[in-house]
N, C-alpha and C. Protein backbone atom coordinates (compact mmCIF):
# COMPACT_ATOMS: atom_id res chain seq x y z
N MET A 1 17.40 9.88 -8.67
CA MET A 1 16.13 9.81 -7.99
C MET A 1 16.31 10.31 -6.56
N THR A 2 15.47 11.25 -6.20
CA THR A 2 15.51 11.82 -4.87
C THR A 2 14.45 11.16 -4.01
N LEU A 3 14.82 10.82 -2.81
CA LEU A 3 13.83 10.25 -1.89
C LEU A 3 12.93 11.35 -1.37
N ILE A 4 11.70 11.02 -1.13
CA ILE A 4 10.77 11.99 -0.55
C ILE A 4 11.08 12.06 0.94
N ARG A 5 11.50 13.24 1.37
CA ARG A 5 11.95 13.39 2.74
C ARG A 5 10.85 13.89 3.67
N ARG A 6 9.97 14.70 3.15
CA ARG A 6 8.96 15.32 3.98
C ARG A 6 7.63 15.17 3.26
N VAL A 7 6.61 14.81 3.99
CA VAL A 7 5.30 14.60 3.39
C VAL A 7 4.55 15.92 3.32
N ASP A 8 4.08 16.24 2.14
CA ASP A 8 3.23 17.41 1.92
C ASP A 8 1.79 16.92 2.11
N VAL A 9 1.28 17.05 3.31
CA VAL A 9 -0.01 16.47 3.67
C VAL A 9 -1.15 16.96 2.77
N PRO A 10 -1.24 18.25 2.46
CA PRO A 10 -2.34 18.67 1.56
C PRO A 10 -2.26 18.00 0.18
N ARG A 11 -1.06 17.89 -0.38
CA ARG A 11 -0.92 17.24 -1.70
C ARG A 11 -1.22 15.74 -1.61
N LEU A 12 -0.71 15.09 -0.58
CA LEU A 12 -0.99 13.67 -0.40
C LEU A 12 -2.50 13.46 -0.23
N SER A 13 -3.12 14.28 0.57
CA SER A 13 -4.58 14.17 0.79
C SER A 13 -5.34 14.38 -0.51
N ALA A 14 -4.91 15.35 -1.30
CA ALA A 14 -5.58 15.63 -2.59
C ALA A 14 -5.42 14.45 -3.54
N ALA A 15 -4.22 13.89 -3.60
CA ALA A 15 -3.97 12.76 -4.50
C ALA A 15 -4.83 11.56 -4.10
N ILE A 16 -4.91 11.29 -2.81
CA ILE A 16 -5.73 10.17 -2.34
C ILE A 16 -7.21 10.46 -2.59
N ALA A 17 -7.63 11.69 -2.33
CA ALA A 17 -9.05 12.05 -2.53
C ALA A 17 -9.46 11.92 -3.99
N ILE A 18 -8.58 12.30 -4.90
CA ILE A 18 -8.88 12.18 -6.34
C ILE A 18 -9.14 10.72 -6.68
N CYS A 19 -8.30 9.84 -6.20
CA CYS A 19 -8.44 8.41 -6.51
C CYS A 19 -9.66 7.81 -5.83
N GLN A 20 -9.88 8.17 -4.59
CA GLN A 20 -11.07 7.66 -3.89
C GLN A 20 -12.35 8.18 -4.56
N ALA A 21 -12.31 9.40 -5.08
CA ALA A 21 -13.48 9.96 -5.79
C ALA A 21 -13.80 9.14 -7.04
N ALA A 22 -12.76 8.70 -7.74
CA ALA A 22 -12.99 7.85 -8.91
C ALA A 22 -13.70 6.56 -8.49
N GLY A 23 -13.31 6.03 -7.35
CA GLY A 23 -13.98 4.84 -6.83
C GLY A 23 -15.42 5.12 -6.46
N ALA A 24 -15.66 6.28 -5.87
CA ALA A 24 -17.02 6.63 -5.49
C ALA A 24 -17.90 6.82 -6.73
N ILE A 25 -17.34 7.41 -7.77
CA ILE A 25 -18.09 7.60 -9.01
C ILE A 25 -18.46 6.23 -9.60
N GLY A 26 -17.50 5.34 -9.64
CA GLY A 26 -17.78 3.98 -10.12
C GLY A 26 -18.80 3.28 -9.24
N GLY A 27 -18.76 3.57 -7.96
CA GLY A 27 -19.70 2.97 -7.02
C GLY A 27 -21.14 3.35 -7.30
N LEU A 28 -21.34 4.54 -7.87
CA LEU A 28 -22.71 4.97 -8.21
C LEU A 28 -23.34 4.01 -9.20
N ALA A 29 -22.57 3.55 -10.15
CA ALA A 29 -23.08 2.62 -11.16
C ALA A 29 -23.23 1.22 -10.60
N THR A 30 -22.43 0.90 -9.60
CA THR A 30 -22.38 -0.45 -9.06
C THR A 30 -23.53 -0.74 -8.10
N ALA A 31 -23.91 0.24 -7.31
CA ALA A 31 -24.81 0.03 -6.18
C ALA A 31 -26.09 -0.72 -6.54
N ARG A 32 -26.78 -0.31 -7.57
CA ARG A 32 -28.07 -0.93 -7.90
C ARG A 32 -27.88 -2.34 -8.47
N SER A 33 -26.97 -2.49 -9.42
CA SER A 33 -26.79 -3.77 -10.09
C SER A 33 -26.17 -4.84 -9.20
N VAL A 34 -25.40 -4.42 -8.22
CA VAL A 34 -24.74 -5.41 -7.35
C VAL A 34 -25.77 -6.11 -6.47
N ARG A 35 -26.94 -5.49 -6.31
CA ARG A 35 -28.01 -6.12 -5.53
C ARG A 35 -29.02 -6.85 -6.40
N SER A 36 -29.12 -6.47 -7.67
CA SER A 36 -30.17 -7.06 -8.51
C SER A 36 -29.60 -7.95 -9.62
N TRP A 37 -28.87 -7.38 -10.54
CA TRP A 37 -28.40 -8.08 -11.71
C TRP A 37 -27.22 -9.02 -11.42
N TYR A 38 -26.21 -8.50 -10.76
CA TYR A 38 -24.96 -9.25 -10.56
C TYR A 38 -25.15 -10.57 -9.80
N PRO A 39 -25.93 -10.63 -8.73
CA PRO A 39 -26.08 -11.91 -8.02
C PRO A 39 -26.67 -13.03 -8.88
N ARG A 40 -27.41 -12.67 -9.91
CA ARG A 40 -28.03 -13.68 -10.78
C ARG A 40 -27.09 -14.19 -11.86
N GLN A 41 -25.92 -13.58 -12.00
CA GLN A 41 -24.97 -13.99 -13.04
C GLN A 41 -24.17 -15.19 -12.59
N ARG A 42 -23.89 -16.09 -13.53
CA ARG A 42 -22.95 -17.18 -13.24
C ARG A 42 -21.55 -16.57 -13.23
N LYS A 43 -20.72 -17.06 -12.32
CA LYS A 43 -19.40 -16.44 -12.12
C LYS A 43 -18.28 -17.47 -12.22
N ALA A 44 -17.08 -16.96 -12.44
CA ALA A 44 -15.88 -17.79 -12.52
C ALA A 44 -15.64 -18.52 -11.21
N ALA A 45 -14.96 -19.63 -11.29
CA ALA A 45 -14.74 -20.50 -10.13
C ALA A 45 -14.05 -19.79 -8.97
N LEU A 46 -13.15 -18.88 -9.24
CA LEU A 46 -12.38 -18.22 -8.16
C LEU A 46 -13.00 -16.90 -7.72
N ASN A 47 -14.25 -16.67 -8.04
CA ASN A 47 -14.92 -15.43 -7.67
C ASN A 47 -15.00 -15.32 -6.14
N PRO A 48 -14.41 -14.26 -5.56
CA PRO A 48 -14.46 -14.11 -4.10
C PRO A 48 -15.84 -13.65 -3.64
N PRO A 49 -16.11 -13.73 -2.34
CA PRO A 49 -17.37 -13.21 -1.82
C PRO A 49 -17.49 -11.71 -2.09
N SER A 50 -18.69 -11.22 -2.25
CA SER A 50 -18.92 -9.80 -2.54
C SER A 50 -18.31 -8.89 -1.49
N SER A 51 -18.23 -9.35 -0.26
CA SER A 51 -17.70 -8.52 0.83
C SER A 51 -16.21 -8.20 0.66
N VAL A 52 -15.52 -8.88 -0.23
CA VAL A 52 -14.09 -8.66 -0.45
C VAL A 52 -13.84 -7.42 -1.30
N PHE A 53 -14.72 -7.14 -2.23
CA PHE A 53 -14.45 -6.12 -3.23
C PHE A 53 -14.31 -4.71 -2.65
N GLY A 54 -15.18 -4.31 -1.77
CA GLY A 54 -15.12 -2.95 -1.20
C GLY A 54 -13.80 -2.68 -0.50
N PRO A 55 -13.40 -3.51 0.46
CA PRO A 55 -12.11 -3.26 1.14
C PRO A 55 -10.91 -3.31 0.19
N VAL A 56 -10.91 -4.25 -0.74
CA VAL A 56 -9.78 -4.34 -1.68
C VAL A 56 -9.68 -3.07 -2.50
N TRP A 57 -10.80 -2.63 -3.07
CA TRP A 57 -10.76 -1.43 -3.90
C TRP A 57 -10.40 -0.19 -3.09
N THR A 58 -10.85 -0.10 -1.85
CA THR A 58 -10.49 1.05 -1.01
C THR A 58 -8.99 1.12 -0.83
N VAL A 59 -8.37 -0.01 -0.55
CA VAL A 59 -6.90 -0.04 -0.39
C VAL A 59 -6.21 0.29 -1.72
N LEU A 60 -6.72 -0.25 -2.82
CA LEU A 60 -6.10 0.02 -4.12
C LEU A 60 -6.18 1.50 -4.50
N TYR A 61 -7.31 2.14 -4.22
CA TYR A 61 -7.42 3.59 -4.48
C TYR A 61 -6.47 4.37 -3.58
N LEU A 62 -6.28 3.92 -2.36
CA LEU A 62 -5.31 4.54 -1.47
C LEU A 62 -3.90 4.42 -2.06
N LEU A 63 -3.54 3.23 -2.52
CA LEU A 63 -2.22 3.02 -3.13
C LEU A 63 -2.05 3.88 -4.39
N MET A 64 -3.11 3.98 -5.20
CA MET A 64 -3.03 4.84 -6.39
C MET A 64 -2.73 6.27 -5.98
N GLY A 65 -3.40 6.73 -4.93
CA GLY A 65 -3.19 8.10 -4.45
C GLY A 65 -1.76 8.32 -3.97
N ILE A 66 -1.23 7.36 -3.24
CA ILE A 66 0.15 7.47 -2.75
C ILE A 66 1.12 7.49 -3.94
N SER A 67 0.89 6.64 -4.91
CA SER A 67 1.73 6.60 -6.10
C SER A 67 1.67 7.94 -6.84
N LEU A 68 0.46 8.44 -7.03
CA LEU A 68 0.29 9.74 -7.70
C LEU A 68 1.03 10.83 -6.95
N TYR A 69 0.90 10.85 -5.65
CA TYR A 69 1.59 11.84 -4.82
C TYR A 69 3.11 11.77 -5.02
N ARG A 70 3.66 10.58 -4.96
CA ARG A 70 5.11 10.43 -5.10
C ARG A 70 5.58 10.93 -6.47
N ALA A 71 4.85 10.56 -7.53
CA ALA A 71 5.23 11.02 -8.87
C ALA A 71 5.06 12.54 -8.99
N TRP A 72 4.03 13.07 -8.39
CA TRP A 72 3.75 14.51 -8.41
C TRP A 72 4.89 15.28 -7.74
N VAL A 73 5.32 14.79 -6.56
CA VAL A 73 6.42 15.44 -5.85
C VAL A 73 7.69 15.40 -6.70
N GLN A 74 7.98 14.26 -7.30
CA GLN A 74 9.19 14.14 -8.12
C GLN A 74 9.09 15.02 -9.37
N ALA A 75 7.90 15.13 -9.94
CA ALA A 75 7.72 15.99 -11.12
C ALA A 75 7.99 17.44 -10.76
N ARG A 76 7.57 17.84 -9.59
CA ARG A 76 7.80 19.23 -9.15
C ARG A 76 9.30 19.49 -8.92
N ARG A 77 10.03 18.46 -8.54
CA ARG A 77 11.47 18.60 -8.27
C ARG A 77 12.31 18.51 -9.54
N ALA A 78 11.75 17.92 -10.59
CA ALA A 78 12.52 17.70 -11.82
C ALA A 78 12.85 19.04 -12.46
N GLY A 79 14.06 19.13 -12.94
CA GLY A 79 14.50 20.37 -13.56
C GLY A 79 14.13 20.48 -15.02
N ARG A 80 14.14 19.37 -15.74
CA ARG A 80 13.88 19.39 -17.18
C ARG A 80 12.63 18.58 -17.49
N ASP A 81 12.02 18.90 -18.62
CA ASP A 81 10.81 18.19 -19.04
C ASP A 81 11.05 16.69 -19.21
N ASP A 82 12.23 16.32 -19.70
CA ASP A 82 12.49 14.89 -19.92
C ASP A 82 12.73 14.13 -18.61
N GLU A 83 12.80 14.86 -17.49
CA GLU A 83 12.95 14.22 -16.18
C GLU A 83 11.60 14.07 -15.48
N ARG A 84 10.54 14.54 -16.12
CA ARG A 84 9.21 14.50 -15.51
C ARG A 84 8.42 13.32 -16.04
N PRO A 85 7.61 12.72 -15.18
CA PRO A 85 6.76 11.63 -15.66
C PRO A 85 5.60 12.17 -16.47
N SER A 86 5.09 11.36 -17.34
CA SER A 86 3.85 11.70 -18.03
C SER A 86 2.70 11.23 -17.14
N PHE A 87 1.76 12.11 -16.90
CA PHE A 87 0.61 11.75 -16.08
C PHE A 87 -0.57 11.28 -16.93
N ALA A 88 -0.44 11.36 -18.25
CA ALA A 88 -1.54 10.96 -19.14
C ALA A 88 -1.98 9.52 -18.91
N PRO A 89 -1.06 8.55 -18.80
CA PRO A 89 -1.52 7.18 -18.56
C PRO A 89 -2.24 7.02 -17.22
N PHE A 90 -1.80 7.79 -16.22
CA PHE A 90 -2.46 7.71 -14.91
C PHE A 90 -3.90 8.18 -15.03
N TRP A 91 -4.10 9.34 -15.67
CA TRP A 91 -5.47 9.87 -15.80
C TRP A 91 -6.30 8.94 -16.68
N ALA A 92 -5.69 8.36 -17.69
CA ALA A 92 -6.42 7.43 -18.56
C ALA A 92 -6.90 6.22 -17.77
N GLN A 93 -6.02 5.61 -16.96
CA GLN A 93 -6.43 4.44 -16.20
C GLN A 93 -7.49 4.80 -15.17
N LEU A 94 -7.42 6.00 -14.60
CA LEU A 94 -8.41 6.40 -13.61
C LEU A 94 -9.79 6.57 -14.25
N VAL A 95 -9.82 7.19 -15.43
CA VAL A 95 -11.09 7.36 -16.15
C VAL A 95 -11.62 5.99 -16.57
N LEU A 96 -10.75 5.13 -17.08
CA LEU A 96 -11.18 3.79 -17.48
C LEU A 96 -11.67 2.99 -16.27
N ASN A 97 -11.05 3.19 -15.13
CA ASN A 97 -11.45 2.51 -13.91
C ASN A 97 -12.90 2.86 -13.56
N ALA A 98 -13.21 4.15 -13.52
CA ALA A 98 -14.59 4.56 -13.22
C ALA A 98 -15.54 4.13 -14.33
N SER A 99 -15.08 4.20 -15.58
CA SER A 99 -15.92 3.81 -16.72
C SER A 99 -16.28 2.34 -16.68
N TRP A 100 -15.34 1.49 -16.24
CA TRP A 100 -15.60 0.07 -16.21
C TRP A 100 -16.87 -0.23 -15.40
N SER A 101 -17.02 0.40 -14.25
CA SER A 101 -18.20 0.17 -13.42
C SER A 101 -19.48 0.52 -14.15
N PHE A 102 -19.45 1.62 -14.89
CA PHE A 102 -20.65 2.02 -15.64
C PHE A 102 -20.95 1.04 -16.76
N VAL A 103 -19.90 0.55 -17.42
CA VAL A 103 -20.11 -0.40 -18.52
C VAL A 103 -20.57 -1.75 -17.99
N PHE A 104 -19.87 -2.27 -16.98
CA PHE A 104 -20.19 -3.60 -16.46
C PHE A 104 -21.50 -3.59 -15.67
N PHE A 105 -21.60 -2.75 -14.67
CA PHE A 105 -22.77 -2.76 -13.79
C PHE A 105 -23.91 -1.88 -14.30
N GLY A 106 -23.57 -0.68 -14.79
CA GLY A 106 -24.61 0.23 -15.25
C GLY A 106 -25.29 -0.24 -16.53
N LEU A 107 -24.47 -0.53 -17.55
CA LEU A 107 -25.01 -0.98 -18.83
C LEU A 107 -25.21 -2.48 -18.89
N ARG A 108 -24.57 -3.18 -17.95
CA ARG A 108 -24.64 -4.65 -17.89
C ARG A 108 -24.12 -5.27 -19.19
N ARG A 109 -22.94 -4.80 -19.58
CA ARG A 109 -22.29 -5.24 -20.82
C ARG A 109 -20.93 -5.84 -20.49
N PRO A 110 -20.88 -7.09 -20.06
CA PRO A 110 -19.61 -7.69 -19.65
C PRO A 110 -18.53 -7.73 -20.72
N PHE A 111 -18.88 -7.98 -21.98
CA PHE A 111 -17.83 -8.03 -23.01
C PHE A 111 -17.19 -6.66 -23.19
N GLU A 112 -18.02 -5.62 -23.32
CA GLU A 112 -17.49 -4.26 -23.48
C GLU A 112 -16.70 -3.84 -22.24
N ALA A 113 -17.14 -4.30 -21.07
CA ALA A 113 -16.41 -4.01 -19.84
C ALA A 113 -15.04 -4.70 -19.85
N LEU A 114 -14.98 -5.90 -20.41
CA LEU A 114 -13.70 -6.61 -20.51
C LEU A 114 -12.74 -5.84 -21.42
N VAL A 115 -13.23 -5.30 -22.50
CA VAL A 115 -12.41 -4.48 -23.39
C VAL A 115 -11.90 -3.25 -22.63
N THR A 116 -12.78 -2.63 -21.85
CA THR A 116 -12.40 -1.48 -21.03
C THR A 116 -11.32 -1.88 -20.02
N LEU A 117 -11.48 -3.05 -19.45
CA LEU A 117 -10.53 -3.55 -18.45
C LEU A 117 -9.14 -3.80 -19.06
N VAL A 118 -9.11 -4.31 -20.26
CA VAL A 118 -7.82 -4.53 -20.94
C VAL A 118 -7.14 -3.18 -21.17
N ALA A 119 -7.90 -2.19 -21.64
CA ALA A 119 -7.33 -0.85 -21.84
C ALA A 119 -6.84 -0.28 -20.51
N MET A 120 -7.60 -0.50 -19.44
CA MET A 120 -7.20 -0.02 -18.13
C MET A 120 -5.90 -0.69 -17.69
N PHE A 121 -5.80 -2.01 -17.86
CA PHE A 121 -4.59 -2.73 -17.48
C PHE A 121 -3.36 -2.19 -18.23
N LEU A 122 -3.52 -1.96 -19.52
CA LEU A 122 -2.41 -1.42 -20.31
C LEU A 122 -2.04 -0.01 -19.85
N SER A 123 -3.04 0.78 -19.47
CA SER A 123 -2.78 2.12 -18.95
C SER A 123 -2.07 2.07 -17.60
N ILE A 124 -2.40 1.08 -16.79
CA ILE A 124 -1.71 0.92 -15.50
C ILE A 124 -0.24 0.58 -15.75
N LEU A 125 0.02 -0.32 -16.68
CA LEU A 125 1.42 -0.65 -17.00
C LEU A 125 2.16 0.57 -17.53
N ALA A 126 1.50 1.36 -18.36
CA ALA A 126 2.12 2.58 -18.89
C ALA A 126 2.38 3.58 -17.76
N THR A 127 1.47 3.65 -16.81
CA THR A 127 1.66 4.53 -15.65
C THR A 127 2.86 4.07 -14.84
N MET A 128 2.95 2.77 -14.62
CA MET A 128 4.09 2.24 -13.85
C MET A 128 5.41 2.57 -14.55
N ARG A 129 5.41 2.44 -15.84
CA ARG A 129 6.64 2.76 -16.60
C ARG A 129 6.99 4.24 -16.48
N SER A 130 5.97 5.09 -16.65
CA SER A 130 6.20 6.53 -16.58
C SER A 130 6.64 6.97 -15.19
N PHE A 131 5.91 6.51 -14.17
CA PHE A 131 6.26 6.90 -12.81
C PHE A 131 7.60 6.30 -12.39
N GLY A 132 7.89 5.10 -12.86
CA GLY A 132 9.13 4.44 -12.51
C GLY A 132 10.37 5.17 -12.99
N ARG A 133 10.22 5.98 -14.03
CA ARG A 133 11.37 6.77 -14.51
C ARG A 133 11.85 7.78 -13.49
N VAL A 134 10.94 8.24 -12.62
CA VAL A 134 11.30 9.27 -11.65
C VAL A 134 11.28 8.77 -10.21
N ASP A 135 10.52 7.70 -9.94
CA ASP A 135 10.41 7.20 -8.58
C ASP A 135 9.98 5.73 -8.63
N ARG A 136 10.92 4.86 -8.39
CA ARG A 136 10.62 3.42 -8.47
C ARG A 136 9.49 3.01 -7.54
N ALA A 137 9.48 3.58 -6.35
CA ALA A 137 8.43 3.23 -5.39
C ALA A 137 7.05 3.58 -5.94
N ALA A 138 6.94 4.72 -6.61
CA ALA A 138 5.65 5.13 -7.19
C ALA A 138 5.15 4.08 -8.18
N ALA A 139 6.07 3.47 -8.90
CA ALA A 139 5.69 2.42 -9.85
C ALA A 139 5.32 1.13 -9.12
N TRP A 140 6.15 0.69 -8.20
CA TRP A 140 5.92 -0.58 -7.51
C TRP A 140 4.67 -0.55 -6.64
N ILE A 141 4.32 0.62 -6.13
CA ILE A 141 3.11 0.77 -5.32
C ILE A 141 1.87 0.37 -6.13
N LEU A 142 1.96 0.50 -7.45
CA LEU A 142 0.83 0.16 -8.32
C LEU A 142 0.77 -1.32 -8.68
N LEU A 143 1.76 -2.10 -8.31
CA LEU A 143 1.76 -3.52 -8.66
C LEU A 143 0.53 -4.28 -8.12
N PRO A 144 0.14 -4.10 -6.85
CA PRO A 144 -1.07 -4.81 -6.40
C PRO A 144 -2.30 -4.44 -7.22
N TYR A 145 -2.39 -3.19 -7.62
CA TYR A 145 -3.49 -2.72 -8.47
C TYR A 145 -3.46 -3.44 -9.82
N ALA A 146 -2.30 -3.51 -10.44
CA ALA A 146 -2.18 -4.20 -11.73
C ALA A 146 -2.56 -5.68 -11.60
N LEU A 147 -2.10 -6.30 -10.54
CA LEU A 147 -2.41 -7.72 -10.32
C LEU A 147 -3.91 -7.93 -10.07
N TRP A 148 -4.51 -7.05 -9.29
CA TRP A 148 -5.95 -7.17 -9.03
C TRP A 148 -6.75 -6.95 -10.30
N VAL A 149 -6.34 -5.99 -11.12
CA VAL A 149 -7.05 -5.74 -12.38
C VAL A 149 -6.90 -6.94 -13.32
N ALA A 150 -5.75 -7.58 -13.31
CA ALA A 150 -5.58 -8.81 -14.11
C ALA A 150 -6.56 -9.88 -13.60
N PHE A 151 -6.66 -10.02 -12.29
CA PHE A 151 -7.61 -10.97 -11.70
C PHE A 151 -9.05 -10.56 -12.03
N ALA A 152 -9.32 -9.27 -11.97
CA ALA A 152 -10.65 -8.77 -12.33
C ALA A 152 -10.97 -9.09 -13.78
N GLY A 153 -9.96 -9.11 -14.63
CA GLY A 153 -10.16 -9.51 -16.03
C GLY A 153 -10.65 -10.95 -16.13
N TYR A 154 -10.06 -11.82 -15.32
CA TYR A 154 -10.51 -13.20 -15.26
C TYR A 154 -11.96 -13.28 -14.79
N LEU A 155 -12.29 -12.53 -13.74
CA LEU A 155 -13.66 -12.54 -13.21
C LEU A 155 -14.64 -11.97 -14.23
N ASN A 156 -14.27 -10.87 -14.86
CA ASN A 156 -15.11 -10.23 -15.86
C ASN A 156 -15.32 -11.18 -17.05
N ALA A 157 -14.24 -11.81 -17.51
CA ALA A 157 -14.35 -12.75 -18.63
C ALA A 157 -15.26 -13.91 -18.26
N GLY A 158 -15.19 -14.35 -17.00
CA GLY A 158 -16.05 -15.43 -16.54
C GLY A 158 -17.52 -15.06 -16.63
N VAL A 159 -17.85 -13.87 -16.18
CA VAL A 159 -19.25 -13.42 -16.24
C VAL A 159 -19.70 -13.34 -17.70
N TRP A 160 -18.86 -12.79 -18.54
CA TRP A 160 -19.23 -12.68 -19.96
C TRP A 160 -19.41 -14.08 -20.57
N TRP A 161 -18.43 -14.93 -20.39
CA TRP A 161 -18.44 -16.25 -21.03
C TRP A 161 -19.58 -17.13 -20.51
N LEU A 162 -19.77 -17.14 -19.20
CA LEU A 162 -20.75 -18.05 -18.60
C LEU A 162 -22.20 -17.58 -18.75
N ASN A 163 -22.39 -16.34 -19.18
CA ASN A 163 -23.74 -15.78 -19.30
C ASN A 163 -24.02 -15.26 -20.70
N ARG A 164 -23.35 -15.78 -21.69
CA ARG A 164 -23.44 -15.23 -23.04
C ARG A 164 -24.63 -15.73 -23.84
N ASP A 165 -25.57 -16.41 -23.29
CA ASP A 165 -26.71 -16.94 -24.03
C ASP A 165 -27.63 -15.89 -24.54
């Protein structure tokens, strides 16, 4: 494993922008329902205030971008195909991430959103495994994201369970 010695600012910026764009796309589905539908839902006991979600997700998308950048740099340096990470799980979790917002907030389908969230969590773990083969830091940077998504699963399950009438 080679340490990243010099930051390629355009690549790092692109990686972060890709991840932040996924958040912005999900935000399109969230905006209307977060003011109308979501406040009327019964929520799990540990549900944080709404003001927490925006800053947390912004930081998590930043971390995803940094992780993607590190894996991308290592993939470019790898000499053989078997030394390169698979980016498929990363793209899968990113698509599932944006999709979750549309399912939960746009369609207002908490159970289906929970299924999406489980698939996203598994894709994050697969991403960590893939990226970890070439850059441990790229994998560990995703740990807060995996933990938050696990917590989001609890919150999502709470909305589904408590409002299933």
